[in-house]
Amino acid sequence: LLKKKNSSLYKAVELVKKNEAAGIVSAGNTGAQMAISLFVLGRLPGVLRPAIGVPLPYKDSMGLLIDGGANVDVTLREYLVFALLGKVYLESILERKVTIGLLNIGEEPEKGPQILQDAYKMLKEHFEEFKGNVEGNEVLSHKVDVIVAGGFTGNMLLKAIEGTAETVLGVFKEAANSSLKTKIGGLLLKDSLKRAMKTFDFETFGGSPLLGVNGISIIAHGRSKHAAIKNAIKVCYNIEKDKIIDKFKEQLSDESFRDSENC
């Protein structure tokens, strides 16, 4: 893969590396984009492996799940790095302070495998914004703004949400077309339902940034149409405009954060 230097994806990432482009937006193979972005752009200081920051649709705002699938196995320190990257990114986008939570199977600190119990203690120690564990049924409730997770769990959760939304919509459409009465009711509710479903439509958010690489790399959904690509470009533009990569570097080089490298 990395030997295919004439591929359009490789060439595009090279333009970012040479500062001839602000960032890369692609709806192609996610694994290829992650590998090439990491190889060409490199990692930010203090980052072992980058993570995918996936926007979460809240009724009144936007949240972020990190990692959305870049890393199957996550070390203790990476939970800390992911939390920092997610916090800095979302605070820049929302222009306000954000809260942080850890995806787990229960609210209590002693819940889950040992690494999550240790991650709970570490996040509580390093971030005053940390509000504790977040269970799966609370993910879209806006309990916190940034949800930290390992890539395996995070990706499974995202696909479950996406699949559930599609199934519910399919069931509703089938029910709405089952009789004349339901067809009339469906027509009356059509506009309201469209607005509601738009909240959960990936095209609304456009793309997910690969956080932790030394440059801007936006991963768009494989089924993206023109609206999603347009919004993914907006994500890229906002990261460049707000100098978020520079903010990452500043926070990652902070002495109190560097002191945690041996955890």
C-alpha atoms as a PDB file:
ATOM      1  CA  LEU A   1       0.000   0.000   0.000  1.00  0.00           C
ATOM      2  CA  LEU A   2       2.678   2.515   1.032  1.00  0.00           C
ATOM      3  CA  LYS A   3       4.642   1.694  -2.127  1.00  0.00           C
ATOM      4  CA  LYS A   4       1.810   2.970  -4.336  1.00  0.00           C
ATOM      5  CA  LYS A   5       3.094   6.532  -4.330  1.00  0.00           C
ATOM      6  CA  ASN A   6       1.277   7.367  -7.553  1.00  0.00           C
ATOM      7  CA  SER A   7      -2.166   6.734  -6.063  1.00  0.00           C
ATOM      8  CA  SER A   8      -4.449   9.761  -5.777  1.00  0.00           C
ATOM      9  CA  LEU A   9      -4.699   9.308  -1.999  1.00  0.00           C
ATOM     10  CA  TYR A  10      -0.933   9.219  -1.515  1.00  0.00           C
ATOM     11  CA  LYS A  11      -0.471  12.264  -3.766  1.00  0.00           C
ATOM     12  CA  ALA A  12      -3.158  14.185  -1.879  1.00  0.00           C
ATOM     13  CA  VAL A  13      -1.591  13.489   1.522  1.00  0.00           C
ATOM     14  CA  GLU A  14       1.794  14.526   0.136  1.00  0.00           C
ATOM     15  CA  LEU A  15       0.308  17.905  -0.807  1.00  0.00           C
ATOM     16  CA  VAL A  16      -0.702  18.361   2.833  1.00  0.00           C
ATOM     17  CA  LYS A  17       2.799  17.417   3.958  1.00  0.00           C
ATOM     18  CA  LYS A  18       4.280  20.021   1.572  1.00  0.00           C
ATOM     19  CA  ASN A  19       1.814  22.686   2.802  1.00  0.00           C
ATOM     20  CA  GLU A  20       0.348  22.869  -0.690  1.00  0.00           C
ATOM     21  CA  ALA A  21      -3.053  21.817   0.668  1.00  0.00           C
ATOM     22  CA  ALA A  22      -4.723  22.520   4.009  1.00  0.00           C
ATOM     23  CA  GLY A  23      -5.910  18.948   4.436  1.00  0.00           C
ATOM     24  CA  ILE A  24      -7.132  15.739   2.846  1.00  0.00           C
ATOM     25  CA  VAL A  25     -10.773  14.624   2.639  1.00  0.00           C
ATOM     26  CA  SER A  26     -11.465  11.099   1.385  1.00  0.00           C
ATOM     27  CA  ALA A  27     -14.421   8.720   1.279  1.00  0.00           C
ATOM     28  CA  GLY A  28     -12.197   5.855   0.182  1.00  0.00           C
ATOM     29  CA  ASN A  29     -10.718   2.997   2.172  1.00  0.00           C
ATOM     30  CA  THR A  30     -10.391   4.055   5.820  1.00  0.00           C
ATOM     31  CA  GLY A  31      -7.456   1.761   6.560  1.00  0.00           C
ATOM     32  CA  ALA A  32      -5.519   3.056   3.568  1.00  0.00           C
ATOM     33  CA  GLN A  33      -6.152   6.666   4.536  1.00  0.00           C
ATOM     34  CA  MET A  34      -5.033   6.075   8.119  1.00  0.00           C
ATOM     35  CA  ALA A  35      -1.868   4.228   7.048  1.00  0.00           C
ATOM     36  CA  ILE A  36      -0.830   6.789   4.434  1.00  0.00           C
ATOM     37  CA  SER A  37      -1.670   9.763   6.669  1.00  0.00           C
ATOM     38  CA  LEU A  38       0.415   8.314   9.489  1.00  0.00           C
ATOM     39  CA  PHE A  39       3.310   7.390   7.186  1.00  0.00           C
ATOM     40  CA  VAL A  40       3.461  10.689   5.280  1.00  0.00           C
ATOM     41  CA  LEU A  41       2.333  13.249   7.869  1.00  0.00           C
ATOM     42  CA  GLY A  42       3.802  11.540  10.918  1.00  0.00           C
ATOM     43  CA  ARG A  43       2.545  11.671  14.497  1.00  0.00           C
ATOM     44  CA  LEU A  44       2.278  14.625  16.797  1.00  0.00           C
ATOM     45  CA  PRO A  45       4.783  14.586  19.685  1.00  0.00           C
ATOM     46  CA  GLY A  46       3.457  12.427  22.518  1.00  0.00           C
ATOM     47  CA  VAL A  47       1.027  10.489  20.309  1.00  0.00           C
ATOM     48  CA  LEU A  48       1.758   6.805  19.841  1.00  0.00           C
ATOM     49  CA  ARG A  49      -1.189   6.090  17.537  1.00  0.00           C
ATOM     50  CA  PRO A  50      -3.787   8.480  16.095  1.00  0.00           C
ATOM     51  CA  ALA A  51      -7.509   8.034  16.730  1.00  0.00           C
ATOM     52  CA  ILE A  52     -10.688   8.712  14.781  1.00  0.00           C
ATOM     53  CA  GLY A  53     -12.869  11.425  16.301  1.00  0.00           C
ATOM     54  CA  VAL A  54     -16.460  10.649  15.320  1.00  0.00           C
ATOM     55  CA  PRO A  55     -19.125  13.353  15.775  1.00  0.00           C
ATOM     56  CA  LEU A  56     -22.108  12.304  17.879  1.00  0.00           C
ATOM     57  CA  PRO A  57     -25.572  13.744  17.175  1.00  0.00           C
ATOM     58  CA  TYR A  58     -27.062  15.326  20.283  1.00  0.00           C
ATOM     59  CA  LYS A  59     -30.470  16.979  20.269  1.00  0.00           C
ATOM     60  CA  ASP A  60     -29.042  20.306  21.367  1.00  0.00           C
ATOM     61  CA  SER A  61     -25.392  20.109  20.339  1.00  0.00           C
ATOM     62  CA  MET A  62     -22.631  17.875  18.999  1.00  0.00           C
ATOM     63  CA  GLY A  63     -20.499  15.390  20.886  1.00  0.00           C
ATOM     64  CA  LEU A  64     -17.417  13.375  19.988  1.00  0.00           C
ATOM     65  CA  LEU A  65     -16.526   9.700  20.323  1.00  0.00           C
ATOM     66  CA  ILE A  66     -12.811   8.934  20.266  1.00  0.00           C
ATOM     67  CA  ASP A  67     -11.601   6.366  19.142  1.00  0.00           C
ATOM     68  CA  GLY A  68     -14.075   5.380  16.434  1.00  0.00           C
ATOM     69  CA  GLY A  69     -12.069   2.450  15.110  1.00  0.00           C
ATOM     70  CA  ALA A  70      -8.419   3.253  14.432  1.00  0.00           C
ATOM     71  CA  ASN A  71      -7.019   1.125  17.277  1.00  0.00           C
ATOM     72  CA  VAL A  72      -8.340  -2.286  18.284  1.00  0.00           C
ATOM     73  CA  ASP A  73      -6.001  -2.600  21.278  1.00  0.00           C
ATOM     74  CA  VAL A  74      -5.536   0.489  23.426  1.00  0.00           C
ATOM     75  CA  THR A  75      -2.911   1.129  26.098  1.00  0.00           C
ATOM     76  CA  LEU A  76      -3.622   2.978  29.317  1.00  0.00           C
ATOM     77  CA  ARG A  77      -1.780   6.096  28.199  1.00  0.00           C
ATOM     78  CA  GLU A  78      -3.711   6.179  24.939  1.00  0.00           C
ATOM     79  CA  TYR A  79      -6.945   6.697  26.856  1.00  0.00           C
ATOM     80  CA  LEU A  80      -5.318   9.811  28.280  1.00  0.00           C
ATOM     81  CA  VAL A  81      -4.079  11.006  24.877  1.00  0.00           C
ATOM     82  CA  PHE A  82      -7.456  10.368  23.254  1.00  0.00           C
ATOM     83  CA  ALA A  83      -9.193  12.371  25.978  1.00  0.00           C
ATOM     84  CA  LEU A  84      -6.831  15.299  25.451  1.00  0.00           C
ATOM     85  CA  LEU A  85      -7.184  15.249  21.660  1.00  0.00           C
ATOM     86  CA  GLY A  86     -10.974  15.018  21.890  1.00  0.00           C
ATOM     87  CA  LYS A  87     -11.184  17.799  24.462  1.00  0.00           C
ATOM     88  CA  VAL A  88      -8.989  20.232  22.519  1.00  0.00           C
ATOM     89  CA  TYR A  89     -10.757  19.483  19.241  1.00  0.00           C
ATOM     90  CA  LEU A  90     -14.328  19.799  20.492  1.00  0.00           C
ATOM     91  CA  GLU A  91     -13.627  22.895  22.591  1.00  0.00           C
ATOM     92  CA  SER A  92     -12.283  24.584  19.466  1.00  0.00           C
ATOM     93  CA  ILE A  93     -15.309  23.567  17.401  1.00  0.00           C
ATOM     94  CA  LEU A  94     -17.969  24.415  20.009  1.00  0.00           C
ATOM     95  CA  GLU A  95     -16.084  27.418  21.423  1.00  0.00           C
ATOM     96  CA  ARG A  96     -16.812  26.423  25.017  1.00  0.00           C
ATOM     97  CA  LYS A  97     -15.543  24.124  27.747  1.00  0.00           C
ATOM     98  CA  VAL A  98     -16.493  20.473  27.343  1.00  0.00           C
ATOM     99  CA  THR A  99     -16.951  17.485  29.645  1.00  0.00           C
ATOM    100  CA  ILE A 100     -15.331  14.049  29.286  1.00  0.00           C
ATOM    101  CA  GLY A 101     -16.610  10.534  29.955  1.00  0.00           C
ATOM    102  CA  LEU A 102     -15.273   6.981  29.623  1.00  0.00           C
ATOM    103  CA  LEU A 103     -17.341   4.359  27.783  1.00  0.00           C
ATOM    104  CA  ASN A 104     -17.923   1.438  30.142  1.00  0.00           C
ATOM    105  CA  ILE A 105     -20.523  -1.131  31.230  1.00  0.00           C
ATOM    106  CA  GLY A 106     -21.517   0.685  34.426  1.00  0.00           C
ATOM    107  CA  GLU A 107     -21.268   4.010  36.246  1.00  0.00           C
ATOM    108  CA  GLU A 108     -19.171   2.794  39.172  1.00  0.00           C
ATOM    109  CA  PRO A 109     -15.359   3.287  39.012  1.00  0.00           C
ATOM    110  CA  GLU A 110     -14.741  -0.420  39.673  1.00  0.00           C
ATOM    111  CA  LYS A 111     -16.811  -1.576  36.679  1.00  0.00           C
ATOM    112  CA  GLY A 112     -15.307  -3.144  33.567  1.00  0.00           C
ATOM    113  CA  PRO A 113     -11.904  -4.732  32.893  1.00  0.00           C
ATOM    114  CA  GLN A 114      -8.848  -3.593  34.843  1.00  0.00           C
ATOM    115  CA  ILE A 115      -7.603  -1.280  32.094  1.00  0.00           C
ATOM    116  CA  LEU A 116     -10.868   0.680  32.183  1.00  0.00           C
ATOM    117  CA  GLN A 117     -10.740   0.893  35.977  1.00  0.00           C
ATOM    118  CA  ASP A 118      -7.194   2.250  35.707  1.00  0.00           C
ATOM    119  CA  ALA A 119      -8.222   4.601  32.892  1.00  0.00           C
ATOM    120  CA  TYR A 120     -11.023   5.939  35.094  1.00  0.00           C
ATOM    121  CA  LYS A 121      -8.539   6.825  37.857  1.00  0.00           C
ATOM    122  CA  MET A 122      -6.093   8.379  35.407  1.00  0.00           C
ATOM    123  CA  LEU A 123      -8.681  10.522  33.614  1.00  0.00           C
ATOM    124  CA  LYS A 124     -10.090  11.690  36.944  1.00  0.00           C
ATOM    125  CA  GLU A 125      -6.587  12.689  38.045  1.00  0.00           C
ATOM    126  CA  HIS A 126      -5.692  14.584  34.862  1.00  0.00           C
ATOM    127  CA  PHE A 127      -8.960  16.233  33.835  1.00  0.00           C
ATOM    128  CA  GLU A 128     -11.257  18.274  36.036  1.00  0.00           C
ATOM    129  CA  GLU A 129     -13.737  17.950  33.153  1.00  0.00           C
ATOM    130  CA  PHE A 130     -13.972  14.173  33.648  1.00  0.00           C
ATOM    131  CA  LYS A 131     -17.491  13.153  34.740  1.00  0.00           C
ATOM    132  CA  GLY A 132     -17.056   9.386  35.054  1.00  0.00           C
ATOM    133  CA  ASN A 133     -18.266   6.388  33.106  1.00  0.00           C
ATOM    134  CA  VAL A 134     -20.815   6.526  30.304  1.00  0.00           C
ATOM    135  CA  GLU A 135     -22.941   3.453  29.568  1.00  0.00           C
ATOM    136  CA  GLY A 136     -24.029   2.438  26.083  1.00  0.00           C
ATOM    137  CA  ASN A 137     -27.606   3.603  26.580  1.00  0.00           C
ATOM    138  CA  GLU A 138     -26.365   7.075  27.576  1.00  0.00           C
ATOM    139  CA  VAL A 139     -24.163   7.734  24.547  1.00  0.00           C
ATOM    140  CA  LEU A 140     -26.658   9.992  22.736  1.00  0.00           C
ATOM    141  CA  SER A 141     -28.154  11.527  25.891  1.00  0.00           C
ATOM    142  CA  HIS A 142     -25.511  14.281  26.134  1.00  0.00           C
ATOM    143  CA  LYS A 143     -24.346  13.109  29.542  1.00  0.00           C
ATOM    144  CA  VAL A 144     -20.897  14.338  28.490  1.00  0.00           C
ATOM    145  CA  ASP A 145     -19.423  16.018  25.411  1.00  0.00           C
ATOM    146  CA  VAL A 146     -16.405  13.786  24.725  1.00  0.00           C
ATOM    147  CA  ILE A 147     -16.681  10.006  25.106  1.00  0.00           C
ATOM    148  CA  VAL A 148     -13.366   8.144  25.279  1.00  0.00           C
ATOM    149  CA  ALA A 149     -13.273   4.528  24.109  1.00  0.00           C
ATOM    150  CA  GLY A 150     -10.998   1.920  22.604  1.00  0.00           C
ATOM    151  CA  GLY A 151     -11.313   1.619  18.838  1.00  0.00           C
ATOM    152  CA  PHE A 152     -12.872  -1.859  18.931  1.00  0.00           C
ATOM    153  CA  THR A 153     -15.644  -0.876  21.338  1.00  0.00           C
ATOM    154  CA  GLY A 154     -16.123   2.532  19.751  1.00  0.00           C
ATOM    155  CA  ASN A 155     -16.536   1.148  16.250  1.00  0.00           C
ATOM    156  CA  MET A 156     -18.974  -1.544  17.405  1.00  0.00           C
ATOM    157  CA  LEU A 157     -21.047   1.115  19.154  1.00  0.00           C
ATOM    158  CA  LEU A 158     -21.144   3.405  16.123  1.00  0.00           C
ATOM    159  CA  LYS A 159     -22.237   0.624  13.791  1.00  0.00           C
ATOM    160  CA  ALA A 160     -24.927  -0.430  16.266  1.00  0.00           C
ATOM    161  CA  ILE A 161     -26.269   3.138  16.351  1.00  0.00           C
ATOM    162  CA  GLU A 162     -26.200   3.412  12.564  1.00  0.00           C
ATOM    163  CA  GLY A 163     -27.871   0.036  12.085  1.00  0.00           C
ATOM    164  CA  THR A 164     -30.550   0.762  14.673  1.00  0.00           C
ATOM    165  CA  ALA A 165     -31.414   4.097  13.049  1.00  0.00           C
ATOM    166  CA  GLU A 166     -31.734   2.461   9.631  1.00  0.00           C
ATOM    167  CA  THR A 167     -33.867  -0.374  11.013  1.00  0.00           C
ATOM    168  CA  VAL A 168     -36.232   1.965  12.866  1.00  0.00           C
ATOM    169  CA  LEU A 169     -36.630   4.111   9.758  1.00  0.00           C
ATOM    170  CA  GLY A 170     -37.359   1.025   7.661  1.00  0.00           C
ATOM    171  CA  VAL A 171     -39.969  -0.236  10.132  1.00  0.00           C
ATOM    172  CA  PHE A 172     -41.646   3.170  10.205  1.00  0.00           C
ATOM    173  CA  LYS A 173     -41.775   3.393   6.411  1.00  0.00           C
ATOM    174  CA  GLU A 174     -43.311  -0.068   6.223  1.00  0.00           C
ATOM    175  CA  ALA A 175     -45.907   0.810   8.865  1.00  0.00           C
ATOM    176  CA  ALA A 176     -46.680   4.158   7.209  1.00  0.00           C
ATOM    177  CA  ASN A 177     -47.512   2.421   3.936  1.00  0.00           C
ATOM    178  CA  SER A 178     -49.644  -0.340   5.450  1.00  0.00           C
ATOM    179  CA  SER A 179     -53.027   1.367   4.983  1.00  0.00           C
ATOM    180  CA  LEU A 180     -54.688   4.513   3.684  1.00  0.00           C
ATOM    181  CA  LYS A 181     -54.915   5.979   7.207  1.00  0.00           C
ATOM    182  CA  THR A 182     -51.239   5.418   7.937  1.00  0.00           C
ATOM    183  CA  LYS A 183     -50.279   6.854   4.541  1.00  0.00           C
ATOM    184  CA  ILE A 184     -52.180  10.052   5.333  1.00  0.00           C
ATOM    185  CA  GLY A 185     -50.596  10.170   8.798  1.00  0.00           C
ATOM    186  CA  GLY A 186     -47.175   9.609   7.284  1.00  0.00           C
ATOM    187  CA  LEU A 187     -47.665  12.520   4.886  1.00  0.00           C
ATOM    188  CA  LEU A 188     -48.655  14.807   7.764  1.00  0.00           C
ATOM    189  CA  LEU A 189     -45.550  13.813   9.738  1.00  0.00           C
ATOM    190  CA  LYS A 190     -43.168  13.736   6.775  1.00  0.00           C
ATOM    191  CA  ASP A 191     -41.473  17.114   7.304  1.00  0.00           C
ATOM    192  CA  SER A 192     -41.120  16.656  11.071  1.00  0.00           C
ATOM    193  CA  LEU A 193     -39.641  13.195  10.634  1.00  0.00           C
ATOM    194  CA  LYS A 194     -37.184  14.449   8.024  1.00  0.00           C
ATOM    195  CA  ARG A 195     -35.925  17.083  10.455  1.00  0.00           C
ATOM    196  CA  ALA A 196     -35.629  14.504  13.228  1.00  0.00           C
ATOM    197  CA  MET A 197     -33.785  11.958  11.078  1.00  0.00           C
ATOM    198  CA  LYS A 198     -31.393  14.637   9.808  1.00  0.00           C
ATOM    199  CA  THR A 199     -30.038  14.838  13.349  1.00  0.00           C
ATOM    200  CA  PHE A 200     -28.753  11.266  13.002  1.00  0.00           C
ATOM    201  CA  ASP A 201     -27.666  11.511   9.356  1.00  0.00           C
ATOM    202  CA  PHE A 202     -23.895  11.146   8.907  1.00  0.00           C
ATOM    203  CA  GLU A 203     -24.086  13.548   5.946  1.00  0.00           C
ATOM    204  CA  THR A 204     -24.929  16.375   8.369  1.00  0.00           C
ATOM    205  CA  PHE A 205     -21.492  16.101  10.013  1.00  0.00           C
ATOM    206  CA  GLY A 206     -19.573  15.194   6.859  1.00  0.00           C
ATOM    207  CA  GLY A 207     -16.490  13.448   8.137  1.00  0.00           C
ATOM    208  CA  SER A 208     -14.405  12.317  11.085  1.00  0.00           C
ATOM    209  CA  PRO A 209     -10.941  13.774  11.683  1.00  0.00           C
ATOM    210  CA  LEU A 210      -7.977  11.478  12.218  1.00  0.00           C
ATOM    211  CA  LEU A 211      -6.641  13.092  15.387  1.00  0.00           C
ATOM    212  CA  GLY A 212      -3.000  12.735  16.363  1.00  0.00           C
ATOM    213  CA  VAL A 213      -1.329  12.961  12.957  1.00  0.00           C
ATOM    214  CA  ASN A 214       0.714  16.051  12.122  1.00  0.00           C
ATOM    215  CA  GLY A 215      -1.763  17.415   9.616  1.00  0.00           C
ATOM    216  CA  ILE A 216      -5.431  17.395   8.667  1.00  0.00           C
ATOM    217  CA  SER A 217      -6.920  14.120   7.435  1.00  0.00           C
ATOM    218  CA  ILE A 218     -10.713  13.814   7.284  1.00  0.00           C
ATOM    219  CA  ILE A 219     -12.345  10.405   6.863  1.00  0.00           C
ATOM    220  CA  ALA A 220     -15.713  10.618   5.112  1.00  0.00           C
ATOM    221  CA  HIS A 221     -18.311   7.838   5.121  1.00  0.00           C
ATOM    222  CA  GLY A 222     -17.991   5.374   2.255  1.00  0.00           C
ATOM    223  CA  ARG A 223     -21.570   6.152   1.202  1.00  0.00           C
ATOM    224  CA  SER A 224     -21.020   9.911   1.161  1.00  0.00           C
ATOM    225  CA  LYS A 225     -22.864  11.984  -1.417  1.00  0.00           C
ATOM    226  CA  HIS A 226     -22.267  15.608  -2.328  1.00  0.00           C
ATOM    227  CA  ALA A 227     -23.743  17.010   0.919  1.00  0.00           C
ATOM    228  CA  ALA A 228     -21.507  14.832   3.096  1.00  0.00           C
ATOM    229  CA  ILE A 229     -18.383  15.723   1.119  1.00  0.00           C
ATOM    230  CA  LYS A 230     -19.254  19.416   1.339  1.00  0.00           C
ATOM    231  CA  ASN A 231     -19.623  19.154   5.115  1.00  0.00           C
ATOM    232  CA  ALA A 232     -16.417  17.107   5.404  1.00  0.00           C
ATOM    233  CA  ILE A 233     -14.588  19.928   3.627  1.00  0.00           C
ATOM    234  CA  LYS A 234     -16.095  22.313   6.191  1.00  0.00           C
ATOM    235  CA  VAL A 235     -14.630  20.148   8.975  1.00  0.00           C
ATOM    236  CA  CYS A 236     -11.228  20.396   7.299  1.00  0.00           C
ATOM    237  CA  TYR A 237     -11.607  24.159   6.883  1.00  0.00           C
ATOM    238  CA  ASN A 238     -12.539  24.688  10.534  1.00  0.00           C
ATOM    239  CA  ILE A 239      -9.545  22.696  11.787  1.00  0.00           C
ATOM    240  CA  GLU A 240      -7.247  24.833   9.642  1.00  0.00           C
ATOM    241  CA  LYS A 241      -8.999  28.100  10.518  1.00  0.00           C
ATOM    242  CA  ASP A 242      -8.902  27.429  14.252  1.00  0.00           C
ATOM    243  CA  LYS A 243      -5.274  26.196  14.136  1.00  0.00           C
ATOM    244  CA  ILE A 244      -6.286  23.059  16.015  1.00  0.00           C
ATOM    245  CA  ILE A 245      -3.116  21.152  15.084  1.00  0.00           C
ATOM    246  CA  ASP A 246      -1.079  23.891  16.795  1.00  0.00           C
ATOM    247  CA  LYS A 247      -3.346  23.641  19.845  1.00  0.00           C
ATOM    248  CA  PHE A 248      -2.705  19.891  19.971  1.00  0.00           C
ATOM    249  CA  LYS A 249       1.051  20.474  19.927  1.00  0.00           C
ATOM    250  CA  GLU A 250       0.812  23.043  22.702  1.00  0.00           C
ATOM    251  CA  GLN A 251      -1.251  20.803  24.990  1.00  0.00           C
ATOM    252  CA  LEU A 252       0.778  17.664  24.262  1.00  0.00           C
ATOM    253  CA  SER A 253       3.991  19.475  25.166  1.00  0.00           C
ATOM    254  CA  ASP A 254       2.608  20.706  28.493  1.00  0.00           C
ATOM    255  CA  GLU A 255       4.882  19.616  31.342  1.00  0.00           C
ATOM    256  CA  SER A 256       2.097  18.071  33.432  1.00  0.00           C
ATOM    257  CA  PHE A 257       1.032  15.970  30.466  1.00  0.00           C
ATOM    258  CA  ARG A 258       4.562  14.855  29.599  1.00  0.00           C
ATOM    259  CA  ASP A 259       5.021  13.729  33.207  1.00  0.00           C
ATOM    260  CA  SER A 260       2.363  11.074  32.573  1.00  0.00           C
ATOM    261  CA  GLU A 261       4.277   9.339  29.762  1.00  0.00           C
ATOM    262  CA  ASN A 262       5.286   6.422  31.975  1.00  0.00           C
ATOM    263  CA  CYS A 263       1.737   5.510  32.946  1.00  0.00           C
END
